[in-house]
């Protein structure tokens, strides 16, 4: 960690960097969401077992969304680390909810 302007700064995770360097495809992201996320978050993202993801992009940064998906720190959500392109596509879709 680096001390900078009174705050701790952590370098970005290499996986997150690789995801953010890619152009995501919303339609592919929707398909990924349907296959992996919709069972818990609802087909429309409004929530079911998992919380609503409607307007999630305004509440969480892209990096925070990536960390949420890959961490597995919020059971019952499983740890899930898709290929960087798949994660970039999923982010584009989440922005539309």
PDB file of N, CA and C in Angstrom:
ATOM      1  N   UNK A   1       0.835  -1.185   0.000  1.00  0.00           N
ATOM      2  CA  UNK A   1       0.000   0.000   0.000  1.00  0.00           C
ATOM      3  C   UNK A   1       0.879   1.247   0.000  1.00  0.00           C
ATOM      4  N   UNK A   2       0.355   2.305  -0.529  1.00  0.00           N
ATOM      5  CA  UNK A   2       1.064   3.566  -0.609  1.00  0.00           C
ATOM      6  C   UNK A   2       0.247   4.614   0.120  1.00  0.00           C
ATOM      7  N   UNK A   3       0.913   5.424   0.931  1.00  0.00           N
ATOM      8  CA  UNK A   3       0.242   6.507   1.629  1.00  0.00           C
ATOM      9  C   UNK A   3       0.230   7.702   0.698  1.00  0.00           C
ATOM     10  N   UNK A   4      -0.952   8.220   0.395  1.00  0.00           N
ATOM     11  CA  UNK A   4      -1.069   9.316  -0.553  1.00  0.00           C
ATOM     12  C   UNK A   4      -2.193  10.256  -0.147  1.00  0.00           C
ATOM     13  N   UNK A   5      -1.864  11.512   0.059  1.00  0.00           N
ATOM     14  CA  UNK A   5      -2.847  12.544   0.370  1.00  0.00           C
ATOM     15  C   UNK A   5      -3.769  12.150   1.523  1.00  0.00           C
ATOM     16  N   UNK A   6      -3.183  11.545   2.528  1.00  0.00           N
ATOM     17  CA  UNK A   6      -3.966  11.226   3.710  1.00  0.00           C
ATOM     18  C   UNK A   6      -4.833   9.995   3.582  1.00  0.00           C
ATOM     19  N   UNK A   7      -4.713   9.244   2.503  1.00  0.00           N
ATOM     20  CA  UNK A   7      -5.518   8.045   2.314  1.00  0.00           C
ATOM     21  C   UNK A   7      -4.613   6.904   1.894  1.00  0.00           C
ATOM     22  N   UNK A   8      -5.036   5.706   2.235  1.00  0.00           N
ATOM     23  CA  UNK A   8      -4.324   4.526   1.758  1.00  0.00           C
ATOM     24  C   UNK A   8      -4.754   4.277   0.328  1.00  0.00           C
ATOM     25  N   UNK A   9      -3.794   3.985  -0.494  1.00  0.00           N
ATOM     26  CA  UNK A   9      -4.079   3.690  -1.895  1.00  0.00           C
ATOM     27  C   UNK A   9      -3.568   2.290  -2.191  1.00  0.00           C
ATOM     28  N   UNK A  10      -4.440   1.445  -2.697  1.00  0.00           N
ATOM     29  CA  UNK A  10      -4.040   0.106  -3.080  1.00  0.00           C
ATOM     30  C   UNK A  10      -3.997   0.029  -4.596  1.00  0.00           C
ATOM     31  N   UNK A  11      -2.912  -0.511  -5.139  1.00  0.00           N
ATOM     32  CA  UNK A  11      -2.864  -0.687  -6.590  1.00  0.00           C
ATOM     33  C   UNK A  11      -4.013  -1.583  -7.049  1.00  0.00           C
ATOM     34  N   UNK A  12      -4.491  -1.365  -8.269  1.00  0.00           N
ATOM     35  CA  UNK A  12      -5.596  -2.144  -8.792  1.00  0.00           C
ATOM     36  C   UNK A  12      -5.149  -3.581  -9.048  1.00  0.00           C
ATOM     37  N   UNK A  13      -6.032  -4.494  -8.768  1.00  0.00           N
ATOM     38  CA  UNK A  13      -5.813  -5.900  -9.014  1.00  0.00           C
ATOM     39  C   UNK A  13      -5.559  -6.119 -10.510  1.00  0.00           C
ATOM     40  N   UNK A  14      -4.580  -6.958 -10.882  1.00  0.00           N
ATOM     41  CA  UNK A  14      -4.300  -7.198 -12.307  1.00  0.00           C
ATOM     42  C   UNK A  14      -5.503  -7.738 -13.079  1.00  0.00           C
ATOM     43  N   UNK A  15      -6.317  -8.564 -12.436  1.00  0.00           N
ATOM     44  CA  UNK A  15      -7.514  -9.074 -13.113  1.00  0.00           C
ATOM     45  C   UNK A  15      -8.464  -7.917 -13.437  1.00  0.00           C
ATOM     46  N   UNK A  16      -8.730  -7.049 -12.455  1.00  0.00           N
ATOM     47  CA  UNK A  16      -9.620  -5.905 -12.682  1.00  0.00           C
ATOM     48  C   UNK A  16      -9.059  -5.001 -13.774  1.00  0.00           C
ATOM     49  N   UNK A  17      -7.747  -4.773 -13.757  1.00  0.00           N
ATOM     50  CA  UNK A  17      -7.126  -3.954 -14.807  1.00  0.00           C
ATOM     51  C   UNK A  17      -7.365  -4.554 -16.186  1.00  0.00           C
ATOM     52  N   UNK A  18      -7.215  -5.876 -16.281  1.00  0.00           N
ATOM     53  CA  UNK A  18      -7.399  -6.507 -17.586  1.00  0.00           C
ATOM     54  C   UNK A  18      -8.851  -6.411 -18.044  1.00  0.00           C
ATOM     55  N   UNK A  19      -9.781  -6.516 -17.113  1.00  0.00           N
ATOM     56  CA  UNK A  19     -11.204  -6.389 -17.456  1.00  0.00           C
ATOM     57  C   UNK A  19     -11.510  -4.978 -17.941  1.00  0.00           C
ATOM     58  N   UNK A  20     -11.033  -3.982 -17.215  1.00  0.00           N
ATOM     59  CA  UNK A  20     -11.358  -2.594 -17.539  1.00  0.00           C
ATOM     60  C   UNK A  20     -10.687  -2.114 -18.828  1.00  0.00           C
ATOM     61  N   UNK A  21      -9.671  -2.824 -19.287  1.00  0.00           N
ATOM     62  CA  UNK A  21      -9.005  -2.467 -20.537  1.00  0.00           C
ATOM     63  C   UNK A  21      -9.787  -2.952 -21.762  1.00  0.00           C
ATOM     64  N   UNK A  22     -10.820  -3.758 -21.520  1.00  0.00           N
ATOM     65  CA  UNK A  22     -11.585  -4.352 -22.614  1.00  0.00           C
ATOM     66  C   UNK A  22     -12.891  -3.611 -22.872  1.00  0.00           C
ATOM     67  N   UNK A  23     -13.359  -3.701 -24.091  1.00  0.00           N
ATOM     68  CA  UNK A  23     -14.676  -3.176 -24.458  1.00  0.00           C
ATOM     69  C   UNK A  23     -15.692  -4.284 -24.202  1.00  0.00           C
ATOM     70  N   UNK A  24     -16.669  -4.033 -23.380  1.00  0.00           N
ATOM     71  CA  UNK A  24     -17.687  -5.041 -23.101  1.00  0.00           C
ATOM     72  C   UNK A  24     -18.814  -5.006 -24.115  1.00  0.00           C
ATOM     73  N   UNK A  25     -19.454  -6.149 -24.273  1.00  0.00           N
ATOM     74  CA  UNK A  25     -20.596  -6.283 -25.174  1.00  0.00           C
ATOM     75  C   UNK A  25     -21.849  -6.552 -24.343  1.00  0.00           C
ATOM     76  N   UNK A  26     -22.802  -5.654 -24.375  1.00  0.00           N
ATOM     77  CA  UNK A  26     -24.005  -5.739 -23.562  1.00  0.00           C
ATOM     78  C   UNK A  26     -24.812  -7.014 -23.813  1.00  0.00           C
ATOM     79  N   UNK A  27     -24.951  -7.396 -25.077  1.00  0.00           N
ATOM     80  CA  UNK A  27     -25.744  -8.581 -25.401  1.00  0.00           C
ATOM     81  C   UNK A  27     -25.086  -9.856 -24.869  1.00  0.00           C
ATOM     82  N   UNK A  28     -23.777  -9.961 -25.024  1.00  0.00           N
ATOM     83  CA  UNK A  28     -23.070 -11.116 -24.453  1.00  0.00           C
ATOM     84  C   UNK A  28     -23.191 -11.087 -22.932  1.00  0.00           C
ATOM     85  N   UNK A  29     -23.114  -9.889 -22.347  1.00  0.00           N
ATOM     86  CA  UNK A  29     -23.255  -9.753 -20.900  1.00  0.00           C
ATOM     87  C   UNK A  29     -24.614 -10.208 -20.414  1.00  0.00           C
ATOM     88  N   UNK A  30     -25.648  -9.923 -21.176  1.00  0.00           N
ATOM     89  CA  UNK A  30     -26.989 -10.370 -20.810  1.00  0.00           C
ATOM     90  C   UNK A  30     -27.069 -11.897 -20.814  1.00  0.00           C
ATOM     91  N   UNK A  31     -26.440 -12.520 -21.802  1.00  0.00           N
ATOM     92  CA  UNK A  31     -26.438 -13.986 -21.867  1.00  0.00           C
ATOM     93  C   UNK A  31     -25.670 -14.578 -20.679  1.00  0.00           C
ATOM     94  N   UNK A  32     -24.563 -13.970 -20.317  1.00  0.00           N
ATOM     95  CA  UNK A  32     -23.775 -14.430 -19.170  1.00  0.00           C
ATOM     96  C   UNK A  32     -24.591 -14.271 -17.891  1.00  0.00           C
ATOM     97  N   UNK A  33     -25.266 -13.136 -17.758  1.00  0.00           N
ATOM     98  CA  UNK A  33     -26.119 -12.892 -16.592  1.00  0.00           C
ATOM     99  C   UNK A  33     -27.224 -13.941 -16.518  1.00  0.00           C
ATOM    100  N   UNK A  34     -27.865 -14.205 -17.644  1.00  0.00           N
ATOM    101  CA  UNK A  34     -28.961 -15.182 -17.678  1.00  0.00           C
ATOM    102  C   UNK A  34     -28.499 -16.565 -17.236  1.00  0.00           C
ATOM    103  N   UNK A  35     -27.304 -16.950 -17.638  1.00  0.00           N
ATOM    104  CA  UNK A  35     -26.790 -18.285 -17.317  1.00  0.00           C
ATOM    105  C   UNK A  35     -26.247 -18.393 -15.889  1.00  0.00           C
ATOM    106  N   UNK A  36     -25.703 -17.303 -15.358  1.00  0.00           N
ATOM    107  CA  UNK A  36     -24.965 -17.400 -14.098  1.00  0.00           C
ATOM    108  C   UNK A  36     -25.558 -16.626 -12.925  1.00  0.00           C
ATOM    109  N   UNK A  37     -26.359 -15.623 -13.191  1.00  0.00           N
ATOM    110  CA  UNK A  37     -26.777 -14.709 -12.132  1.00  0.00           C
ATOM    111  C   UNK A  37     -28.288 -14.661 -11.919  1.00  0.00           C
ATOM    112  N   UNK A  38     -29.046 -14.899 -12.986  1.00  0.00           N
ATOM    113  CA  UNK A  38     -30.494 -14.693 -12.950  1.00  0.00           C
ATOM    114  C   UNK A  38     -31.215 -15.596 -11.959  1.00  0.00           C
ATOM    115  N   UNK A  39     -30.688 -16.776 -11.691  1.00  0.00           N
ATOM    116  CA  UNK A  39     -31.349 -17.682 -10.749  1.00  0.00           C
ATOM    117  C   UNK A  39     -31.515 -17.003  -9.390  1.00  0.00           C
ATOM    118  N   UNK A  40     -30.506 -16.274  -8.953  1.00  0.00           N
ATOM    119  CA  UNK A  40     -30.579 -15.615  -7.638  1.00  0.00           C
ATOM    120  C   UNK A  40     -31.020 -14.155  -7.717  1.00  0.00           C
ATOM    121  N   UNK A  41     -30.606 -13.461  -8.768  1.00  0.00           N
ATOM    122  CA  UNK A  41     -30.889 -12.021  -8.848  1.00  0.00           C
ATOM    123  C   UNK A  41     -32.116 -11.708  -9.698  1.00  0.00           C
ATOM    124  N   UNK A  42     -32.788 -12.738 -10.225  1.00  0.00           N
ATOM    125  CA  UNK A  42     -33.968 -12.539 -11.051  1.00  0.00           C
ATOM    126  C   UNK A  42     -33.603 -12.283 -12.490  1.00  0.00           C
ATOM    127  N   UNK A  43     -34.454 -12.729 -13.390  1.00  0.00           N
ATOM    128  CA  UNK A  43     -34.195 -12.584 -14.825  1.00  0.00           C
ATOM    129  C   UNK A  43     -34.026 -11.124 -15.226  1.00  0.00           C
ATOM    130  N   UNK A  44     -34.711 -10.239 -14.526  1.00  0.00           N
ATOM    131  CA  UNK A  44     -34.621  -8.813 -14.837  1.00  0.00           C
ATOM    132  C   UNK A  44     -33.698  -8.065 -13.878  1.00  0.00           C
ATOM    133  N   UNK A  45     -33.031  -8.803 -12.973  1.00  0.00           N
ATOM    134  CA  UNK A  45     -32.108  -8.194 -12.016  1.00  0.00           C
ATOM    135  C   UNK A  45     -32.779  -7.563 -10.821  1.00  0.00           C
ATOM    136  N   UNK A  46     -34.099  -7.728 -10.691  1.00  0.00           N
ATOM    137  CA  UNK A  46     -34.834  -7.065  -9.604  1.00  0.00           C
ATOM    138  C   UNK A  46     -34.704  -7.775  -8.260  1.00  0.00           C
ATOM    139  N   UNK A  47     -34.006  -8.897  -8.232  1.00  0.00           N
ATOM    140  CA  UNK A  47     -33.805  -9.615  -6.976  1.00  0.00           C
ATOM    141  C   UNK A  47     -34.703 -10.818  -6.869  1.00  0.00           C
ATOM    142  N   UNK A  48     -34.233 -11.783  -6.133  1.00  0.00           N
ATOM    143  CA  UNK A  48     -34.970 -13.020  -5.855  1.00  0.00           C
ATOM    144  C   UNK A  48     -34.363 -13.545  -4.561  1.00  0.00           C
ATOM    145  N   UNK A  49     -33.481 -14.492  -4.625  1.00  0.00           N
ATOM    146  CA  UNK A  49     -32.712 -14.931  -3.459  1.00  0.00           C
ATOM    147  C   UNK A  49     -31.651 -13.873  -3.157  1.00  0.00           C
ATOM    148  N   UNK A  50     -30.990 -13.415  -4.210  1.00  0.00           N
ATOM    149  CA  UNK A  50     -29.984 -12.360  -4.088  1.00  0.00           C
ATOM    150  C   UNK A  50     -30.643 -11.000  -4.183  1.00  0.00           C
ATOM    151  N   UNK A  51     -29.900  -9.957  -3.839  1.00  0.00           N
ATOM    152  CA  UNK A  51     -30.471  -8.611  -3.863  1.00  0.00           C
ATOM    153  C   UNK A  51     -30.740  -8.098  -5.277  1.00  0.00           C
ATOM    154  N   UNK A  52     -31.535  -7.070  -5.348  1.00  0.00           N
ATOM    155  CA  UNK A  52     -31.792  -6.400  -6.619  1.00  0.00           C
ATOM    156  C   UNK A  52     -30.495  -5.790  -7.144  1.00  0.00           C
ATOM    157  N   UNK A  53     -30.323  -5.908  -8.432  1.00  0.00           N
ATOM    158  CA  UNK A  53     -29.184  -5.276  -9.087  1.00  0.00           C
ATOM    159  C   UNK A  53     -29.623  -4.098  -9.947  1.00  0.00           C
ATOM    160  N   UNK A  54     -30.888  -3.714  -9.820  1.00  0.00           N
ATOM    161  CA  UNK A  54     -31.372  -2.558 -10.570  1.00  0.00           C
ATOM    162  C   UNK A  54     -30.597  -1.323 -10.127  1.00  0.00           C
ATOM    163  N   UNK A  55     -30.077  -0.598 -11.073  1.00  0.00           N
ATOM    164  CA  UNK A  55     -29.322   0.632 -10.840  1.00  0.00           C
ATOM    165  C   UNK A  55     -28.029   0.391 -10.059  1.00  0.00           C
ATOM    166  N   UNK A  56     -27.530  -0.847 -10.076  1.00  0.00           N
ATOM    167  CA  UNK A  56     -26.327  -1.176  -9.313  1.00  0.00           C
ATOM    168  C   UNK A  56     -25.107  -0.383  -9.784  1.00  0.00           C
ATOM    169  N   UNK A  57     -25.034  -0.056 -11.070  1.00  0.00           N
ATOM    170  CA  UNK A  57     -23.879   0.677 -11.585  1.00  0.00           C
ATOM    171  C   UNK A  57     -23.778   2.080 -11.013  1.00  0.00           C
ATOM    172  N   UNK A  58     -24.881   2.623 -10.518  1.00  0.00           N
ATOM    173  CA  UNK A  58     -24.822   3.953  -9.900  1.00  0.00           C
ATOM    174  C   UNK A  58     -24.428   3.859  -8.419  1.00  0.00           C
ATOM    175  N   UNK A  59     -24.521   2.645  -7.852  1.00  0.00           N
ATOM    176  CA  UNK A  59     -24.194   2.458  -6.433  1.00  0.00           C
ATOM    177  C   UNK A  59     -22.805   1.902  -6.209  1.00  0.00           C
ATOM    178  N   UNK A  60     -22.263   1.226  -7.203  1.00  0.00           N
ATOM    179  CA  UNK A  60     -20.956   0.592  -7.071  1.00  0.00           C
ATOM    180  C   UNK A  60     -20.110   0.919  -8.296  1.00  0.00           C
ATOM    181  N   UNK A  61     -18.828   1.108  -8.069  1.00  0.00           N
ATOM    182  CA  UNK A  61     -17.907   1.338  -9.182  1.00  0.00           C
ATOM    183  C   UNK A  61     -17.686   0.038  -9.944  1.00  0.00           C
ATOM    184  N   UNK A  62     -17.124   0.145 -11.116  1.00  0.00           N
ATOM    185  CA  UNK A  62     -16.812  -1.059 -11.885  1.00  0.00           C
ATOM    186  C   UNK A  62     -15.867  -1.971 -11.104  1.00  0.00           C
ATOM    187  N   UNK A  63     -14.872  -1.383 -10.461  1.00  0.00           N
ATOM    188  CA  UNK A  63     -13.925  -2.178  -9.672  1.00  0.00           C
ATOM    189  C   UNK A  63     -14.649  -2.866  -8.524  1.00  0.00           C
ATOM    190  N   UNK A  64     -15.550  -2.164  -7.849  1.00  0.00           N
ATOM    191  CA  UNK A  64     -16.302  -2.771  -6.748  1.00  0.00           C
ATOM    192  C   UNK A  64     -17.195  -3.910  -7.251  1.00  0.00           C
ATOM    193  N   UNK A  65     -17.784  -3.740  -8.424  1.00  0.00           N
ATOM    194  CA  UNK A  65     -18.608  -4.811  -9.000  1.00  0.00           C
ATOM    195  C   UNK A  65     -17.758  -6.039  -9.329  1.00  0.00           C
ATOM    196  N   UNK A  66     -16.598  -5.805  -9.904  1.00  0.00           N
ATOM    197  CA  UNK A  66     -15.691  -6.916 -10.212  1.00  0.00           C
ATOM    198  C   UNK A  66     -15.323  -7.648  -8.929  1.00  0.00           C
ATOM    199  N   UNK A  67     -14.915  -6.900  -7.912  1.00  0.00           N
ATOM    200  CA  UNK A  67     -14.526  -7.512  -6.642  1.00  0.00           C
ATOM    201  C   UNK A  67     -15.685  -8.286  -6.019  1.00  0.00           C
ATOM    202  N   UNK A  68     -16.894  -7.754  -6.118  1.00  0.00           N
ATOM    203  CA  UNK A  68     -18.072  -8.434  -5.583  1.00  0.00           C
ATOM    204  C   UNK A  68     -18.272  -9.787  -6.255  1.00  0.00           C
ATOM    205  N   UNK A  69     -18.132  -9.801  -7.567  1.00  0.00           N
ATOM    206  CA  UNK A  69     -18.349 -11.032  -8.324  1.00  0.00           C
ATOM    207  C   UNK A  69     -17.272 -12.070  -8.021  1.00  0.00           C
ATOM    208  N   UNK A  70     -16.008 -11.656  -7.987  1.00  0.00           N
ATOM    209  CA  UNK A  70     -14.937 -12.644  -7.877  1.00  0.00           C
ATOM    210  C   UNK A  70     -14.577 -13.030  -6.450  1.00  0.00           C
ATOM    211  N   UNK A  71     -15.025 -12.264  -5.454  1.00  0.00           N
ATOM    212  CA  UNK A  71     -14.550 -12.497  -4.084  1.00  0.00           C
ATOM    213  C   UNK A  71     -15.173 -13.689  -3.375  1.00  0.00           C
ATOM    214  N   UNK A  72     -16.450 -13.922  -3.592  1.00  0.00           N
ATOM    215  CA  UNK A  72     -17.119 -14.969  -2.832  1.00  0.00           C
ATOM    216  C   UNK A  72     -17.309 -14.603  -1.371  1.00  0.00           C
ATOM    217  N   UNK A  73     -17.180 -13.326  -1.035  1.00  0.00           N
ATOM    218  CA  UNK A  73     -17.256 -12.884   0.367  1.00  0.00           C
ATOM    219  C   UNK A  73     -18.668 -12.575   0.833  1.00  0.00           C
ATOM    220  N   UNK A  74     -19.647 -12.725  -0.028  1.00  0.00           N
ATOM    221  CA  UNK A  74     -21.025 -12.435   0.370  1.00  0.00           C
ATOM    222  C   UNK A  74     -21.907 -13.647   0.103  1.00  0.00           C
ATOM    223  N   UNK A  75     -21.789 -14.661   0.951  1.00  0.00           N
ATOM    224  CA  UNK A  75     -22.626 -15.856   0.766  1.00  0.00           C
ATOM    225  C   UNK A  75     -24.092 -15.474   0.746  1.00  0.00           C
ATOM    226  N   UNK A  76     -24.881 -16.138  -0.001  1.00  0.00           N
ATOM    227  CA  UNK A  76     -24.618 -17.393  -0.696  1.00  0.00           C
ATOM    228  C   UNK A  76     -24.015 -17.237  -2.082  1.00  0.00           C
ATOM    229  N   UNK A  77     -23.614 -16.030  -2.463  1.00  0.00           N
ATOM    230  CA  UNK A  77     -23.021 -15.856  -3.792  1.00  0.00           C
ATOM    231  C   UNK A  77     -21.696 -16.597  -3.854  1.00  0.00           C
ATOM    232  N   UNK A  78     -21.551 -17.476  -4.850  1.00  0.00           N
ATOM    233  CA  UNK A  78     -20.303 -18.235  -4.960  1.00  0.00           C
ATOM    234  C   UNK A  78     -19.190 -17.376  -5.535  1.00  0.00           C
ATOM    235  N   UNK A  79     -17.981 -17.795  -5.272  1.00  0.00           N
ATOM    236  CA  UNK A  79     -16.837 -17.158  -5.912  1.00  0.00           C
ATOM    237  C   UNK A  79     -16.917 -17.504  -7.395  1.00  0.00           C
ATOM    238  N   UNK A  80     -16.738 -16.523  -8.237  1.00  0.00           N
ATOM    239  CA  UNK A  80     -16.946 -16.698  -9.671  1.00  0.00           C
ATOM    240  C   UNK A  80     -15.988 -15.772 -10.386  1.00  0.00           C
ATOM    241  N   UNK A  81     -15.003 -16.307 -11.103  1.00  0.00           N
ATOM    242  CA  UNK A  81     -14.073 -15.454 -11.833  1.00  0.00           C
ATOM    243  C   UNK A  81     -14.121 -15.804 -13.311  1.00  0.00           C
ATOM    244  N   UNK A  82     -14.990 -15.113 -14.033  1.00  0.00           N
ATOM    245  CA  UNK A  82     -15.094 -15.372 -15.467  1.00  0.00           C
ATOM    246  C   UNK A  82     -13.853 -14.869 -16.205  1.00  0.00           C
ATOM    247  N   UNK A  83     -13.709 -15.293 -17.430  1.00  0.00           N
ATOM    248  CA  UNK A  83     -12.645 -14.760 -18.283  1.00  0.00           C
ATOM    249  C   UNK A  83     -12.795 -13.241 -18.331  1.00  0.00           C
ATOM    250  N   UNK A  84     -11.694 -12.505 -18.458  1.00  0.00           N
ATOM    251  CA  UNK A  84     -11.789 -11.035 -18.465  1.00  0.00           C
ATOM    252  C   UNK A  84     -12.812 -10.480 -19.465  1.00  0.00           C
ATOM    253  N   UNK A  85     -12.872 -11.035 -20.670  1.00  0.00           N
ATOM    254  CA  UNK A  85     -13.844 -10.533 -21.641  1.00  0.00           C
ATOM    255  C   UNK A  85     -15.265 -10.772 -21.163  1.00  0.00           C
ATOM    256  N   UNK A  86     -15.521 -11.927 -20.570  1.00  0.00           N
ATOM    257  CA  UNK A  86     -16.858 -12.219 -20.046  1.00  0.00           C
ATOM    258  C   UNK A  86     -17.225 -11.247 -18.933  1.00  0.00           C
ATOM    259  N   UNK A  87     -16.276 -10.919 -18.072  1.00  0.00           N
ATOM    260  CA  UNK A  87     -16.548  -9.965 -16.985  1.00  0.00           C
ATOM    261  C   UNK A  87     -16.809  -8.578 -17.562  1.00  0.00           C
ATOM    262  N   UNK A  88     -16.048  -8.173 -18.571  1.00  0.00           N
ATOM    263  CA  UNK A  88     -16.278  -6.871 -19.215  1.00  0.00           C
ATOM    264  C   UNK A  88     -17.675  -6.828 -19.838  1.00  0.00           C
ATOM    265  N   UNK A  89     -18.083  -7.929 -20.446  1.00  0.00           N
ATOM    266  CA  UNK A  89     -19.420  -8.004 -21.042  1.00  0.00           C
ATOM    267  C   UNK A  89     -20.490  -7.914 -19.954  1.00  0.00           C
ATOM    268  N   UNK A  90     -20.285  -8.623 -18.853  1.00  0.00           N
ATOM    269  CA  UNK A  90     -21.232  -8.582 -17.740  1.00  0.00           C
ATOM    270  C   UNK A  90     -21.355  -7.171 -17.169  1.00  0.00           C
ATOM    271  N   UNK A  91     -20.235  -6.468 -17.040  1.00  0.00           N
ATOM    272  CA  UNK A  91     -20.295  -5.078 -16.554  1.00  0.00           C
ATOM    273  C   UNK A  91     -21.144  -4.209 -17.451  1.00  0.00           C
ATOM    274  N   UNK A  92     -20.969  -4.349 -18.788  1.00  0.00           N
ATOM    275  CA  UNK A  92     -21.775  -3.543 -19.721  1.00  0.00           C
ATOM    276  C   UNK A  92     -23.247  -3.830 -19.517  1.00  0.00           C
ATOM    277  N   UNK A  93     -23.609  -5.099 -19.299  1.00  0.00           N
ATOM    278  CA  UNK A  93     -25.004  -5.419 -19.085  1.00  0.00           C
ATOM    279  C   UNK A  93     -25.511  -4.841 -17.765  1.00  0.00           C
ATOM    280  N   UNK A  94     -24.721  -4.973 -16.707  1.00  0.00           N
ATOM    281  CA  UNK A  94     -25.146  -4.461 -15.401  1.00  0.00           C
ATOM    282  C   UNK A  94     -25.413  -2.958 -15.451  1.00  0.00           C
ATOM    283  N   UNK A  95     -24.704  -2.248 -16.307  1.00  0.00           N
ATOM    284  CA  UNK A  95     -24.942  -0.816 -16.460  1.00  0.00           C
ATOM    285  C   UNK A  95     -26.330  -0.511 -17.012  1.00  0.00           C
ATOM    286  N   UNK A  96     -26.951  -1.480 -17.646  1.00  0.00           N
ATOM    287  CA  UNK A  96     -28.257  -1.249 -18.264  1.00  0.00           C
ATOM    288  C   UNK A  96     -29.423  -1.590 -17.328  1.00  0.00           C
ATOM    289  N   UNK A  97     -29.121  -2.212 -16.216  1.00  0.00           N
ATOM    290  CA  UNK A  97     -30.211  -2.604 -15.293  1.00  0.00           C
ATOM    291  C   UNK A  97     -30.727  -1.403 -14.526  1.00  0.00           C
TER     292      UNK A  97
END
